[in-house]
Amino acid sequence: MGFGCGSWILNPELEQIYSPTSNMVLWQRELYLYPFPFGGNSGLYFVFARDDVDPATAPRDTSLRRAILDHLEAGGKMRPGGMFFLTEDFEQFGTQVYRSNWPPDGLG
Protein backbone atom coordinates (compact mmCIF):
# COMPACT_ATOMS: atom_id res chain seq x y z
CA MET A 1 0.00 0.00 0.00
CA GLY A 2 1.00 3.58 -0.35
CA PHE A 3 -0.02 7.11 -1.12
CA GLY A 4 -0.09 8.82 -4.47
CA CYS A 5 -1.33 11.98 -6.12
CA GLY A 6 -0.71 14.44 -8.91
CA SER A 7 -0.36 18.20 -8.46
CA TRP A 8 1.46 21.31 -9.61
CA ILE A 9 3.30 21.20 -6.27
CA LEU A 10 4.97 18.02 -7.52
CA ASN A 11 6.47 19.73 -10.56
CA PRO A 12 9.80 17.90 -10.98
CA GLU A 13 11.42 21.19 -12.07
CA LEU A 14 10.51 22.92 -8.81
CA GLU A 15 13.78 21.81 -7.27
CA GLN A 16 15.68 23.78 -9.92
CA ILE A 17 13.51 26.90 -9.87
CA TYR A 18 12.79 27.33 -6.17
CA SER A 19 14.83 27.49 -2.99
CA PRO A 20 16.51 24.16 -2.13
CA THR A 21 15.59 24.79 1.53
CA SER A 22 11.89 25.42 0.91
CA ASN A 23 9.50 22.99 2.54
CA MET A 24 8.00 22.10 -0.85
CA VAL A 25 11.38 21.07 -2.26
CA LEU A 26 12.41 19.24 0.92
CA TRP A 27 9.11 17.32 0.85
CA GLN A 28 9.54 16.42 -2.82
CA ARG A 29 12.92 14.88 -2.06
CA GLU A 30 11.20 12.32 0.17
CA LEU A 31 8.82 11.14 -2.55
CA TYR A 32 9.10 9.12 -5.71
CA LEU A 33 8.24 11.66 -8.44
CA TYR A 34 7.14 10.80 -11.95
CA PRO A 35 5.92 12.72 -15.02
CA PHE A 36 2.25 13.61 -15.20
CA PRO A 37 0.27 14.65 -18.31
CA PHE A 38 -0.43 18.37 -18.47
CA GLY A 39 -1.77 21.19 -20.51
CA GLY A 40 -1.10 24.85 -20.05
CA ASN A 41 0.62 26.16 -16.96
CA SER A 42 -0.48 24.01 -14.08
CA GLY A 43 -0.74 25.67 -10.69
CA LEU A 44 -0.77 29.30 -11.74
CA TYR A 45 -4.30 29.74 -10.42
CA PHE A 46 -3.26 28.45 -6.99
CA VAL A 47 -0.33 30.86 -6.79
CA PHE A 48 -1.74 33.94 -8.54
CA ALA A 49 -5.54 33.42 -8.34
CA ARG A 50 -5.67 33.45 -12.15
CA ASP A 51 -4.53 31.22 -15.03
CA ASP A 52 -3.51 33.95 -17.47
CA VAL A 53 -0.43 35.34 -15.75
CA ASP A 54 1.77 37.88 -17.51
CA PRO A 55 5.25 37.59 -15.99
CA ALA A 56 5.94 41.25 -16.80
CA THR A 57 3.07 42.55 -14.67
CA ALA A 58 2.26 39.77 -12.18
CA PRO A 59 2.97 40.43 -8.50
CA ARG A 60 6.39 39.36 -7.23
CA ASP A 61 5.58 39.72 -3.56
CA THR A 62 6.61 36.21 -2.43
CA SER A 63 9.66 34.07 -3.11
CA LEU A 64 7.48 31.43 -4.77
CA ARG A 65 5.89 33.95 -7.11
CA ARG A 66 9.28 35.40 -8.03
CA ALA A 67 10.71 31.94 -8.73
CA ILE A 68 7.75 30.92 -10.89
CA LEU A 69 7.75 34.18 -12.84
CA ASP A 70 11.50 33.97 -13.47
CA HIS A 71 10.98 30.40 -14.70
CA LEU A 72 8.17 31.46 -17.05
CA GLU A 73 10.20 34.41 -18.37
CA ALA A 74 13.03 32.00 -19.20
CA GLY A 75 10.60 29.99 -21.34
CA GLY A 76 9.71 27.37 -18.74
CA LYS A 77 6.29 25.86 -18.11
CA MET A 78 4.58 25.01 -14.88
CA ARG A 79 4.12 21.25 -15.13
CA PRO A 80 2.33 19.02 -12.69
CA GLY A 81 3.99 15.91 -11.42
CA GLY A 82 2.90 12.71 -9.77
CA MET A 83 4.21 11.06 -6.65
CA PHE A 84 3.93 7.95 -4.60
CA PHE A 85 5.24 6.94 -1.23
CA LEU A 86 4.93 3.33 -0.09
CA THR A 87 3.74 2.68 3.45
CA GLU A 88 6.56 0.15 3.88
CA ASP A 89 9.01 3.04 3.46
CA PHE A 90 7.37 5.35 5.99
CA GLU A 91 9.91 4.52 8.70
CA GLN A 92 12.60 5.84 6.33
CA PHE A 93 10.86 9.18 5.75
CA GLY A 94 13.51 11.87 6.06
CA THR A 95 16.26 9.78 4.46
CA GLN A 96 15.32 10.38 0.82
CA VAL A 97 14.87 6.62 0.47
CA TYR A 98 13.92 6.72 -3.22
CA ARG A 99 16.82 8.97 -4.23
CA SER A 100 19.32 6.95 -2.25
CA ASN A 101 18.25 3.82 -4.14
CA TRP A 102 18.33 5.30 -7.65
CA PRO A 103 19.50 4.23 -10.05
CA PRO A 104 19.03 0.58 -9.15
CA ASP A 105 22.09 -1.66 -9.52
CA GLY A 106 22.81 -2.30 -13.17
CA LEU A 107 21.04 0.82 -14.48
CA GLY A 108 23.57 3.48 -13.53
PDB file of N, CA and C in Angstrom:
ATOM      1  N   MET A   1       0.831  -1.178   0.000  1.00  0.00           N
ATOM      2  CA  MET A   1       0.000   0.000   0.000  1.00  0.00           C
ATOM      3  C   MET A   1       0.877   1.243   0.000  1.00  0.00           C
ATOM      4  N   GLY A   2       0.262   2.328  -0.329  1.00  0.00           N
ATOM      5  CA  GLY A   2       0.997   3.578  -0.346  1.00  0.00           C
ATOM      6  C   GLY A   2       0.085   4.755  -0.614  1.00  0.00           C
ATOM      7  N   PHE A   3       0.690   5.870  -0.843  1.00  0.00           N
ATOM      8  CA  PHE A   3      -0.018   7.111  -1.118  1.00  0.00           C
ATOM      9  C   PHE A   3       0.447   7.624  -2.471  1.00  0.00           C
ATOM     10  N   GLY A   4      -0.453   8.250  -3.188  1.00  0.00           N
ATOM     11  CA  GLY A   4      -0.091   8.825  -4.467  1.00  0.00           C
ATOM     12  C   GLY A   4      -0.994   9.976  -4.821  1.00  0.00           C
ATOM     13  N   CYS A   5      -0.503  10.887  -5.624  1.00  0.00           N
ATOM     14  CA  CYS A   5      -1.333  11.983  -6.123  1.00  0.00           C
ATOM     15  C   CYS A   5      -0.594  12.696  -7.242  1.00  0.00           C
ATOM     16  N   GLY A   6      -1.289  13.588  -7.889  1.00  0.00           N
ATOM     17  CA  GLY A   6      -0.709  14.441  -8.908  1.00  0.00           C
ATOM     18  C   GLY A   6      -1.057  15.884  -8.591  1.00  0.00           C
ATOM     19  N   SER A   7      -0.122  16.798  -8.797  1.00  0.00           N
ATOM     20  CA  SER A   7      -0.359  18.195  -8.460  1.00  0.00           C
ATOM     21  C   SER A   7       0.733  19.076  -9.054  1.00  0.00           C
ATOM     22  N   TRP A   8       0.450  20.357  -9.180  1.00  0.00           N
ATOM     23  CA  TRP A   8       1.462  21.314  -9.610  1.00  0.00           C
ATOM     24  C   TRP A   8       2.588  21.402  -8.582  1.00  0.00           C
ATOM     25  N   ILE A   9       2.289  21.140  -7.327  1.00  0.00           N
ATOM     26  CA  ILE A   9       3.297  21.200  -6.268  1.00  0.00           C
ATOM     27  C   ILE A   9       4.361  20.122  -6.470  1.00  0.00           C
ATOM     28  N   LEU A  10       4.035  19.113  -7.263  1.00  0.00           N
ATOM     29  CA  LEU A  10       4.968  18.015  -7.518  1.00  0.00           C
ATOM     30  C   LEU A  10       5.728  18.202  -8.827  1.00  0.00           C
ATOM     31  N   ASN A  11       5.719  19.405  -9.350  1.00  0.00           N
ATOM     32  CA  ASN A  11       6.468  19.727 -10.563  1.00  0.00           C
ATOM     33  C   ASN A  11       7.924  19.298 -10.360  1.00  0.00           C
ATOM     34  N   PRO A  12       8.425  18.363 -11.171  1.00  0.00           N
ATOM     35  CA  PRO A  12       9.799  17.901 -10.976  1.00  0.00           C
ATOM     36  C   PRO A  12      10.853  18.982 -11.211  1.00  0.00           C
ATOM     37  N   GLU A  13      10.479  20.085 -11.857  1.00  0.00           N
ATOM     38  CA  GLU A  13      11.416  21.190 -12.073  1.00  0.00           C
ATOM     39  C   GLU A  13      11.477  22.148 -10.884  1.00  0.00           C
ATOM     40  N   LEU A  14      10.574  21.988  -9.948  1.00  0.00           N
ATOM     41  CA  LEU A  14      10.508  22.916  -8.814  1.00  0.00           C
ATOM     42  C   LEU A  14      11.832  22.973  -8.056  1.00  0.00           C
ATOM     43  N   GLU A  15      12.502  21.858  -7.975  1.00  0.00           N
ATOM     44  CA  GLU A  15      13.780  21.811  -7.271  1.00  0.00           C
ATOM     45  C   GLU A  15      14.824  22.718  -7.915  1.00  0.00           C
ATOM     46  N   GLN A  16      14.735  22.919  -9.227  1.00  0.00           N
ATOM     47  CA  GLN A  16      15.685  23.782  -9.918  1.00  0.00           C
ATOM     48  C   GLN A  16      15.261  25.248  -9.910  1.00  0.00           C
ATOM     49  N   ILE A  17      13.969  25.519  -9.756  1.00  0.00           N
ATOM     50  CA  ILE A  17      13.510  26.901  -9.870  1.00  0.00           C
ATOM     51  C   ILE A  17      13.198  27.558  -8.537  1.00  0.00           C
ATOM     52  N   TYR A  18      13.156  26.769  -7.466  1.00  0.00           N
ATOM     53  CA  TYR A  18      12.791  27.331  -6.170  1.00  0.00           C
ATOM     54  C   TYR A  18      13.883  27.023  -5.154  1.00  0.00           C
ATOM     55  N   SER A  19      13.806  27.632  -4.029  1.00  0.00           N
ATOM     56  CA  SER A  19      14.829  27.493  -2.995  1.00  0.00           C
ATOM     57  C   SER A  19      15.011  26.032  -2.567  1.00  0.00           C
ATOM     58  N   PRO A  20      16.255  25.547  -2.539  1.00  0.00           N
ATOM     59  CA  PRO A  20      16.508  24.164  -2.129  1.00  0.00           C
ATOM     60  C   PRO A  20      16.159  23.901  -0.665  1.00  0.00           C
ATOM     61  N   THR A  21      15.950  24.971   0.113  1.00  0.00           N
ATOM     62  CA  THR A  21      15.590  24.789   1.525  1.00  0.00           C
ATOM     63  C   THR A  21      14.105  25.014   1.785  1.00  0.00           C
ATOM     64  N   SER A  22      13.331  25.233   0.716  1.00  0.00           N
ATOM     65  CA  SER A  22      11.887  25.424   0.907  1.00  0.00           C
ATOM     66  C   SER A  22      11.241  24.104   1.326  1.00  0.00           C
ATOM     67  N   ASN A  23      10.196  24.202   2.092  1.00  0.00           N
ATOM     68  CA  ASN A  23       9.500  22.990   2.540  1.00  0.00           C
ATOM     69  C   ASN A  23       8.969  22.172   1.374  1.00  0.00           C
ATOM     70  N   MET A  24       8.511  22.839   0.304  1.00  0.00           N
ATOM     71  CA  MET A  24       7.996  22.098  -0.849  1.00  0.00           C
ATOM     72  C   MET A  24       9.092  21.254  -1.486  1.00  0.00           C
ATOM     73  N   VAL A  25      10.271  21.813  -1.646  1.00  0.00           N
ATOM     74  CA  VAL A  25      11.381  21.075  -2.257  1.00  0.00           C
ATOM     75  C   VAL A  25      11.861  19.972  -1.319  1.00  0.00           C
ATOM     76  N   LEU A  26      11.985  20.260  -0.042  1.00  0.00           N
ATOM     77  CA  LEU A  26      12.410  19.239   0.917  1.00  0.00           C
ATOM     78  C   LEU A  26      11.427  18.070   0.942  1.00  0.00           C
ATOM     79  N   TRP A  27      10.138  18.367   0.870  1.00  0.00           N
ATOM     80  CA  TRP A  27       9.105  17.325   0.854  1.00  0.00           C
ATOM     81  C   TRP A  27       9.215  16.489  -0.416  1.00  0.00           C
ATOM     82  N   GLN A  28       9.410  17.158  -1.560  1.00  0.00           N
ATOM     83  CA  GLN A  28       9.543  16.423  -2.822  1.00  0.00           C
ATOM     84  C   GLN A  28      10.685  15.412  -2.774  1.00  0.00           C
ATOM     85  N   ARG A  29      11.758  15.763  -2.107  1.00  0.00           N
ATOM     86  CA  ARG A  29      12.923  14.877  -2.057  1.00  0.00           C
ATOM     87  C   ARG A  29      12.643  13.566  -1.320  1.00  0.00           C
ATOM     88  N   GLU A  30      11.569  13.530  -0.572  1.00  0.00           N
ATOM     89  CA  GLU A  30      11.203  12.317   0.173  1.00  0.00           C
ATOM     90  C   GLU A  30      10.285  11.403  -0.637  1.00  0.00           C
ATOM     91  N   LEU A  31       9.813  11.857  -1.769  1.00  0.00           N
ATOM     92  CA  LEU A  31       8.815  11.140  -2.549  1.00  0.00           C
ATOM     93  C   LEU A  31       9.424  10.564  -3.819  1.00  0.00           C
ATOM     94  N   TYR A  32       8.742   9.601  -4.386  1.00  0.00           N
ATOM     95  CA  TYR A  32       9.103   9.117  -5.714  1.00  0.00           C
ATOM     96  C   TYR A  32       8.275   9.936  -6.694  1.00  0.00           C
ATOM     97  N   LEU A  33       8.926  10.789  -7.472  1.00  0.00           N
ATOM     98  CA  LEU A  33       8.238  11.656  -8.435  1.00  0.00           C
ATOM     99  C   LEU A  33       8.250  11.020  -9.813  1.00  0.00           C
ATOM    100  N   TYR A  34       7.204  11.280 -10.575  1.00  0.00           N
ATOM    101  CA  TYR A  34       7.138  10.795 -11.948  1.00  0.00           C
ATOM    102  C   TYR A  34       6.381  11.807 -12.807  1.00  0.00           C
ATOM    103  N   PRO A  35       6.597  11.784 -14.118  1.00  0.00           N
ATOM    104  CA  PRO A  35       5.916  12.724 -15.015  1.00  0.00           C
ATOM    105  C   PRO A  35       4.405  12.535 -14.971  1.00  0.00           C
ATOM    106  N   PHE A  36       3.708  13.604 -15.239  1.00  0.00           N
ATOM    107  CA  PHE A  36       2.247  13.608 -15.203  1.00  0.00           C
ATOM    108  C   PHE A  36       1.768  14.398 -16.412  1.00  0.00           C
ATOM    109  N   PRO A  37       0.751  13.913 -17.132  1.00  0.00           N
ATOM    110  CA  PRO A  37       0.270  14.651 -18.313  1.00  0.00           C
ATOM    111  C   PRO A  37      -0.222  16.048 -17.919  1.00  0.00           C
ATOM    112  N   PHE A  38      -0.007  17.012 -18.789  1.00  0.00           N
ATOM    113  CA  PHE A  38      -0.427  18.369 -18.467  1.00  0.00           C
ATOM    114  C   PHE A  38      -0.816  19.134 -19.711  1.00  0.00           C
ATOM    115  N   GLY A  39      -1.465  20.223 -19.468  1.00  0.00           N
ATOM    116  CA  GLY A  39      -1.773  21.186 -20.510  1.00  0.00           C
ATOM    117  C   GLY A  39      -1.717  22.561 -19.891  1.00  0.00           C
ATOM    118  N   GLY A  40      -1.171  23.499 -20.589  1.00  0.00           N
ATOM    119  CA  GLY A  40      -1.101  24.851 -20.052  1.00  0.00           C
ATOM    120  C   GLY A  40      -0.048  24.988 -18.970  1.00  0.00           C
ATOM    121  N   ASN A  41      -0.291  25.889 -18.068  1.00  0.00           N
ATOM    122  CA  ASN A  41       0.624  26.158 -16.958  1.00  0.00           C
ATOM    123  C   ASN A  41      -0.045  25.771 -15.648  1.00  0.00           C
ATOM    124  N   SER A  42       0.149  24.562 -15.264  1.00  0.00           N
ATOM    125  CA  SER A  42      -0.480  24.012 -14.077  1.00  0.00           C
ATOM    126  C   SER A  42      -0.060  24.755 -12.814  1.00  0.00           C
ATOM    127  N   GLY A  43      -1.009  25.080 -11.989  1.00  0.00           N
ATOM    128  CA  GLY A  43      -0.740  25.669 -10.693  1.00  0.00           C
ATOM    129  C   GLY A  43      -0.760  27.177 -10.634  1.00  0.00           C
ATOM    130  N   LEU A  44      -0.794  27.840 -11.779  1.00  0.00           N
ATOM    131  CA  LEU A  44      -0.773  29.299 -11.740  1.00  0.00           C
ATOM    132  C   LEU A  44      -1.967  29.855 -10.975  1.00  0.00           C
ATOM    133  N   TYR A  45      -3.116  29.238 -11.133  1.00  0.00           N
ATOM    134  CA  TYR A  45      -4.299  29.735 -10.419  1.00  0.00           C
ATOM    135  C   TYR A  45      -4.091  29.663  -8.906  1.00  0.00           C
ATOM    136  N   PHE A  46      -3.449  28.614  -8.428  1.00  0.00           N
ATOM    137  CA  PHE A  46      -3.262  28.449  -6.989  1.00  0.00           C
ATOM    138  C   PHE A  46      -2.256  29.445  -6.416  1.00  0.00           C
ATOM    139  N   VAL A  47      -1.357  29.919  -7.250  1.00  0.00           N
ATOM    140  CA  VAL A  47      -0.333  30.855  -6.787  1.00  0.00           C
ATOM    141  C   VAL A  47      -0.736  32.306  -7.030  1.00  0.00           C
ATOM    142  N   PHE A  48      -1.409  32.563  -8.154  1.00  0.00           N
ATOM    143  CA  PHE A  48      -1.736  33.939  -8.539  1.00  0.00           C
ATOM    144  C   PHE A  48      -3.232  34.247  -8.575  1.00  0.00           C
ATOM    145  N   ALA A  49      -4.074  33.255  -8.306  1.00  0.00           N
ATOM    146  CA  ALA A  49      -5.540  33.416  -8.344  1.00  0.00           C
ATOM    147  C   ALA A  49      -6.045  33.726  -9.755  1.00  0.00           C
ATOM    148  N   ARG A  50      -5.259  33.330 -10.756  1.00  0.00           N
ATOM    149  CA  ARG A  50      -5.669  33.446 -12.153  1.00  0.00           C
ATOM    150  C   ARG A  50      -4.772  32.548 -12.996  1.00  0.00           C
ATOM    151  N   ASP A  51      -5.285  32.107 -14.138  1.00  0.00           N
ATOM    152  CA  ASP A  51      -4.530  31.224 -15.027  1.00  0.00           C
ATOM    153  C   ASP A  51      -3.717  31.977 -16.071  1.00  0.00           C
ATOM    154  N   ASP A  52      -4.150  33.185 -16.400  1.00  0.00           N
ATOM    155  CA  ASP A  52      -3.506  33.950 -17.474  1.00  0.00           C
ATOM    156  C   ASP A  52      -2.538  34.971 -16.874  1.00  0.00           C
ATOM    157  N   VAL A  53      -1.411  34.497 -16.428  1.00  0.00           N
ATOM    158  CA  VAL A  53      -0.430  35.339 -15.754  1.00  0.00           C
ATOM    159  C   VAL A  53       0.557  35.913 -16.767  1.00  0.00           C
ATOM    160  N   ASP A  54       0.755  37.216 -16.705  1.00  0.00           N
ATOM    161  CA  ASP A  54       1.768  37.883 -17.513  1.00  0.00           C
ATOM    162  C   ASP A  54       2.975  38.124 -16.612  1.00  0.00           C
ATOM    163  N   PRO A  55       4.085  37.436 -16.860  1.00  0.00           N
ATOM    164  CA  PRO A  55       5.251  37.593 -15.986  1.00  0.00           C
ATOM    165  C   PRO A  55       5.746  39.036 -15.855  1.00  0.00           C
ATOM    166  N   ALA A  56       5.477  39.864 -16.847  1.00  0.00           N
ATOM    167  CA  ALA A  56       5.942  41.251 -16.802  1.00  0.00           C
ATOM    168  C   ALA A  56       5.152  42.092 -15.808  1.00  0.00           C
ATOM    169  N   THR A  57       3.901  41.715 -15.531  1.00  0.00           N
ATOM    170  CA  THR A  57       3.065  42.550 -14.666  1.00  0.00           C
ATOM    171  C   THR A  57       2.549  41.814 -13.421  1.00  0.00           C
ATOM    172  N   ALA A  58       2.769  40.542 -13.328  1.00  0.00           N
ATOM    173  CA  ALA A  58       2.265  39.773 -12.183  1.00  0.00           C
ATOM    174  C   ALA A  58       3.000  40.174 -10.901  1.00  0.00           C
ATOM    175  N   PRO A  59       2.330  40.060  -9.772  1.00  0.00           N
ATOM    176  CA  PRO A  59       2.973  40.434  -8.503  1.00  0.00           C
ATOM    177  C   PRO A  59       4.137  39.514  -8.158  1.00  0.00           C
ATOM    178  N   ARG A  60       5.189  40.090  -7.641  1.00  0.00           N
ATOM    179  CA  ARG A  60       6.392  39.356  -7.233  1.00  0.00           C
ATOM    180  C   ARG A  60       6.607  39.528  -5.728  1.00  0.00           C
ATOM    181  N   ASP A  61       5.530  39.424  -4.990  1.00  0.00           N
ATOM    182  CA  ASP A  61       5.576  39.721  -3.559  1.00  0.00           C
ATOM    183  C   ASP A  61       5.955  38.540  -2.665  1.00  0.00           C
ATOM    184  N   THR A  62       6.148  37.359  -3.222  1.00  0.00           N
ATOM    185  CA  THR A  62       6.612  36.213  -2.433  1.00  0.00           C
ATOM    186  C   THR A  62       7.754  35.532  -3.178  1.00  0.00           C
ATOM    187  N   SER A  63       8.547  34.774  -2.457  1.00  0.00           N
ATOM    188  CA  SER A  63       9.660  34.073  -3.106  1.00  0.00           C
ATOM    189  C   SER A  63       9.159  33.043  -4.110  1.00  0.00           C
ATOM    190  N   LEU A  64       8.033  32.402  -3.830  1.00  0.00           N
ATOM    191  CA  LEU A  64       7.485  31.426  -4.770  1.00  0.00           C
ATOM    192  C   LEU A  64       7.031  32.112  -6.050  1.00  0.00           C
ATOM    193  N   ARG A  65       6.329  33.218  -5.913  1.00  0.00           N
ATOM    194  CA  ARG A  65       5.887  33.951  -7.107  1.00  0.00           C
ATOM    195  C   ARG A  65       7.078  34.417  -7.936  1.00  0.00           C
ATOM    196  N   ARG A  66       8.096  34.942  -7.284  1.00  0.00           N
ATOM    197  CA  ARG A  66       9.279  35.398  -8.028  1.00  0.00           C
ATOM    198  C   ARG A  66       9.939  34.242  -8.766  1.00  0.00           C
ATOM    199  N   ALA A  67      10.066  33.101  -8.103  1.00  0.00           N
ATOM    200  CA  ALA A  67      10.712  31.939  -8.734  1.00  0.00           C
ATOM    201  C   ALA A  67       9.912  31.450  -9.935  1.00  0.00           C
ATOM    202  N   ILE A  68       8.601  31.382  -9.790  1.00  0.00           N
ATOM    203  CA  ILE A  68       7.751  30.920 -10.891  1.00  0.00           C
ATOM    204  C   ILE A  68       7.807  31.906 -12.057  1.00  0.00           C
ATOM    205  N   LEU A  69       7.719  33.181 -11.765  1.00  0.00           N
ATOM    206  CA  LEU A  69       7.748  34.182 -12.842  1.00  0.00           C
ATOM    207  C   LEU A  69       9.097  34.186 -13.556  1.00  0.00           C
ATOM    208  N   ASP A  70      10.187  34.059 -12.832  1.00  0.00           N
ATOM    209  CA  ASP A  70      11.503  33.969 -13.471  1.00  0.00           C
ATOM    210  C   ASP A  70      11.569  32.748 -14.378  1.00  0.00           C
ATOM    211  N   HIS A  71      11.004  31.633 -13.912  1.00  0.00           N
ATOM    212  CA  HIS A  71      10.982  30.397 -14.703  1.00  0.00           C
ATOM    213  C   HIS A  71      10.166  30.583 -15.987  1.00  0.00           C
ATOM    214  N   LEU A  72       9.015  31.216 -15.873  1.00  0.00           N
ATOM    215  CA  LEU A  72       8.173  31.459 -17.047  1.00  0.00           C
ATOM    216  C   LEU A  72       8.865  32.417 -18.019  1.00  0.00           C
ATOM    217  N   GLU A  73       9.498  33.456 -17.507  1.00  0.00           N
ATOM    218  CA  GLU A  73      10.198  34.409 -18.371  1.00  0.00           C
ATOM    219  C   GLU A  73      11.356  33.749 -19.117  1.00  0.00           C
ATOM    220  N   ALA A  74      11.930  32.719 -18.546  1.00  0.00           N
ATOM    221  CA  ALA A  74      13.027  31.995 -19.198  1.00  0.00           C
ATOM    222  C   ALA A  74      12.514  30.944 -20.173  1.00  0.00           C
ATOM    223  N   GLY A  75      11.187  30.917 -20.386  1.00  0.00           N
ATOM    224  CA  GLY A  75      10.602  29.986 -21.342  1.00  0.00           C
ATOM    225  C   GLY A  75      10.103  28.692 -20.727  1.00  0.00           C
ATOM    226  N   GLY A  76      10.168  28.581 -19.415  1.00  0.00           N
ATOM    227  CA  GLY A  76       9.707  27.367 -18.742  1.00  0.00           C
ATOM    228  C   GLY A  76       8.195  27.284 -18.651  1.00  0.00           C
ATOM    229  N   LYS A  77       7.724  26.125 -18.321  1.00  0.00           N
ATOM    230  CA  LYS A  77       6.291  25.859 -18.112  1.00  0.00           C
ATOM    231  C   LYS A  77       6.109  25.376 -16.683  1.00  0.00           C
ATOM    232  N   MET A  78       4.928  25.571 -16.189  1.00  0.00           N
ATOM    233  CA  MET A  78       4.582  25.006 -14.881  1.00  0.00           C
ATOM    234  C   MET A  78       3.897  23.672 -15.147  1.00  0.00           C
ATOM    235  N   ARG A  79       4.600  22.596 -14.862  1.00  0.00           N
ATOM    236  CA  ARG A  79       4.123  21.252 -15.135  1.00  0.00           C
ATOM    237  C   ARG A  79       3.694  20.580 -13.833  1.00  0.00           C
ATOM    238  N   PRO A  80       2.636  19.815 -13.881  1.00  0.00           N
ATOM    239  CA  PRO A  80       2.328  19.021 -12.693  1.00  0.00           C
ATOM    240  C   PRO A  80       3.225  17.790 -12.659  1.00  0.00           C
ATOM    241  N   GLY A  81       3.263  17.165 -11.559  1.00  0.00           N
ATOM    242  CA  GLY A  81       3.986  15.910 -11.415  1.00  0.00           C
ATOM    243  C   GLY A  81       3.148  14.954 -10.595  1.00  0.00           C
ATOM    244  N   GLY A  82       3.555  13.713 -10.600  1.00  0.00           N
ATOM    245  CA  GLY A  82       2.902  12.712  -9.772  1.00  0.00           C
ATOM    246  C   GLY A  82       3.885  12.207  -8.738  1.00  0.00           C
ATOM    247  N   MET A  83       3.345  11.622  -7.678  1.00  0.00           N
ATOM    248  CA  MET A  83       4.208  11.063  -6.651  1.00  0.00           C
ATOM    249  C   MET A  83       3.562   9.834  -6.055  1.00  0.00           C
ATOM    250  N   PHE A  84       4.423   8.986  -5.494  1.00  0.00           N
ATOM    251  CA  PHE A  84       3.930   7.953  -4.600  1.00  0.00           C
ATOM    252  C   PHE A  84       4.935   7.767  -3.478  1.00  0.00           C
ATOM    253  N   PHE A  85       4.424   7.267  -2.382  1.00  0.00           N
ATOM    254  CA  PHE A  85       5.243   6.935  -1.226  1.00  0.00           C
ATOM    255  C   PHE A  85       4.631   5.679  -0.637  1.00  0.00           C
ATOM    256  N   LEU A  86       5.415   4.615  -0.590  1.00  0.00           N
ATOM    257  CA  LEU A  86       4.926   3.333  -0.094  1.00  0.00           C
ATOM    258  C   LEU A  86       4.897   3.318   1.429  1.00  0.00           C
ATOM    259  N   THR A  87       3.844   2.732   1.990  1.00  0.00           N
ATOM    260  CA  THR A  87       3.739   2.677   3.450  1.00  0.00           C
ATOM    261  C   THR A  87       4.892   1.899   4.060  1.00  0.00           C
ATOM    262  N   GLU A  88       5.432   0.931   3.340  1.00  0.00           N
ATOM    263  CA  GLU A  88       6.558   0.152   3.876  1.00  0.00           C
ATOM    264  C   GLU A  88       7.822   0.998   4.024  1.00  0.00           C
ATOM    265  N   ASP A  89       7.860   2.153   3.371  1.00  0.00           N
ATOM    266  CA  ASP A  89       9.014   3.039   3.456  1.00  0.00           C
ATOM    267  C   ASP A  89       8.823   4.183   4.448  1.00  0.00           C
ATOM    268  N   PHE A  90       7.677   4.222   5.111  1.00  0.00           N
ATOM    269  CA  PHE A  90       7.366   5.348   5.990  1.00  0.00           C
ATOM    270  C   PHE A  90       8.393   5.510   7.110  1.00  0.00           C
ATOM    271  N   GLU A  91       8.903   4.425   7.635  1.00  0.00           N
ATOM    272  CA  GLU A  91       9.906   4.523   8.703  1.00  0.00           C
ATOM    273  C   GLU A  91      11.190   5.181   8.212  1.00  0.00           C
ATOM    274  N   GLN A  92      11.394   5.222   6.905  1.00  0.00           N
ATOM    275  CA  GLN A  92      12.597   5.841   6.335  1.00  0.00           C
ATOM    276  C   GLN A  92      12.351   7.272   5.871  1.00  0.00           C
ATOM    277  N   PHE A  93      11.150   7.808   6.139  1.00  0.00           N
ATOM    278  CA  PHE A  93      10.856   9.181   5.745  1.00  0.00           C
ATOM    279  C   PHE A  93      11.889  10.103   6.385  1.00  0.00           C
ATOM    280  N   GLY A  94      12.459  10.984   5.591  1.00  0.00           N
ATOM    281  CA  GLY A  94      13.505  11.873   6.057  1.00  0.00           C
ATOM    282  C   GLY A  94      14.884  11.446   5.592  1.00  0.00           C
ATOM    283  N   THR A  95      14.969  10.289   4.936  1.00  0.00           N
ATOM    284  CA  THR A  95      16.261   9.783   4.462  1.00  0.00           C
ATOM    285  C   THR A  95      16.381   9.829   2.944  1.00  0.00           C
ATOM    286  N   GLN A  96      15.369  10.346   2.281  1.00  0.00           N
ATOM    287  CA  GLN A  96      15.317  10.377   0.819  1.00  0.00           C
ATOM    288  C   GLN A  96      15.510   8.972   0.260  1.00  0.00           C
ATOM    289  N   VAL A  97      14.719   8.042   0.780  1.00  0.00           N
ATOM    290  CA  VAL A  97      14.872   6.622   0.469  1.00  0.00           C
ATOM    291  C   VAL A  97      14.843   6.334  -1.033  1.00  0.00           C
ATOM    292  N   TYR A  98      14.010   7.014  -1.793  1.00  0.00           N
ATOM    293  CA  TYR A  98      13.921   6.721  -3.222  1.00  0.00           C
ATOM    294  C   TYR A  98      15.138   7.263  -3.974  1.00  0.00           C
ATOM    295  N   ARG A  99      15.623   8.416  -3.579  1.00  0.00           N
ATOM    296  CA  ARG A  99      16.817   8.966  -4.232  1.00  0.00           C
ATOM    297  C   ARG A  99      18.061   8.181  -3.873  1.00  0.00           C
ATOM    298  N   SER A 100      18.120   7.682  -2.663  1.00  0.00           N
ATOM    299  CA  SER A 100      19.319   6.951  -2.251  1.00  0.00           C
ATOM    300  C   SER A 100      19.398   5.577  -2.915  1.00  0.00           C
ATOM    301  N   ASN A 101      18.285   5.107  -3.475  1.00  0.00           N
ATOM    302  CA  ASN A 101      18.249   3.818  -4.138  1.00  0.00           C
ATOM    303  C   ASN A 101      18.135   3.933  -5.652  1.00  0.00           C
ATOM    304  N   TRP A 102      18.432   5.113  -6.203  1.00  0.00           N
ATOM    305  CA  TRP A 102      18.326   5.303  -7.647  1.00  0.00           C
ATOM    306  C   TRP A 102      19.649   5.779  -8.198  1.00  0.00           C
ATOM    307  N   PRO A 103      20.127   5.290  -9.256  1.00  0.00           N
ATOM    308  CA  PRO A 103      19.502   4.229 -10.049  1.00  0.00           C
ATOM    309  C   PRO A 103      19.754   2.859  -9.404  1.00  0.00           C
ATOM    310  N   PRO A 104      18.828   1.928  -9.659  1.00  0.00           N
ATOM    311  CA  PRO A 104      19.032   0.575  -9.155  1.00  0.00           C
ATOM    312  C   PRO A 104      20.306  -0.026  -9.727  1.00  0.00           C
ATOM    313  N   ASP A 105      20.877  -0.996  -9.033  1.00  0.00           N
ATOM    314  CA  ASP A 105      22.087  -1.662  -9.524  1.00  0.00           C
ATOM    315  C   ASP A 105      21.882  -2.136 -10.959  1.00  0.00           C
ATOM    316  N   GLY A 106      22.862  -1.873 -11.779  1.00  0.00           N
ATOM    317  CA  GLY A 106      22.806  -2.300 -13.174  1.00  0.00           C
ATOM    318  C   GLY A 106      22.228  -1.271 -14.120  1.00  0.00           C
ATOM    319  N   LEU A 107      21.603  -0.203 -13.589  1.00  0.00           N
ATOM    320  CA  LEU A 107      21.037   0.816 -14.476  1.00  0.00           C
ATOM    321  C   LEU A 107      21.866   2.096 -14.505  1.00  0.00           C
ATOM    322  N   GLY A 108      22.816   2.219 -13.620  1.00  0.00           N
ATOM    323  CA  GLY A 108      23.573   3.477 -13.529  1.00  0.00           C
ATOM    324  C   GLY A 108      24.781   3.443 -14.352  1.00  0.00           C
TER     325      GLY A 108
END
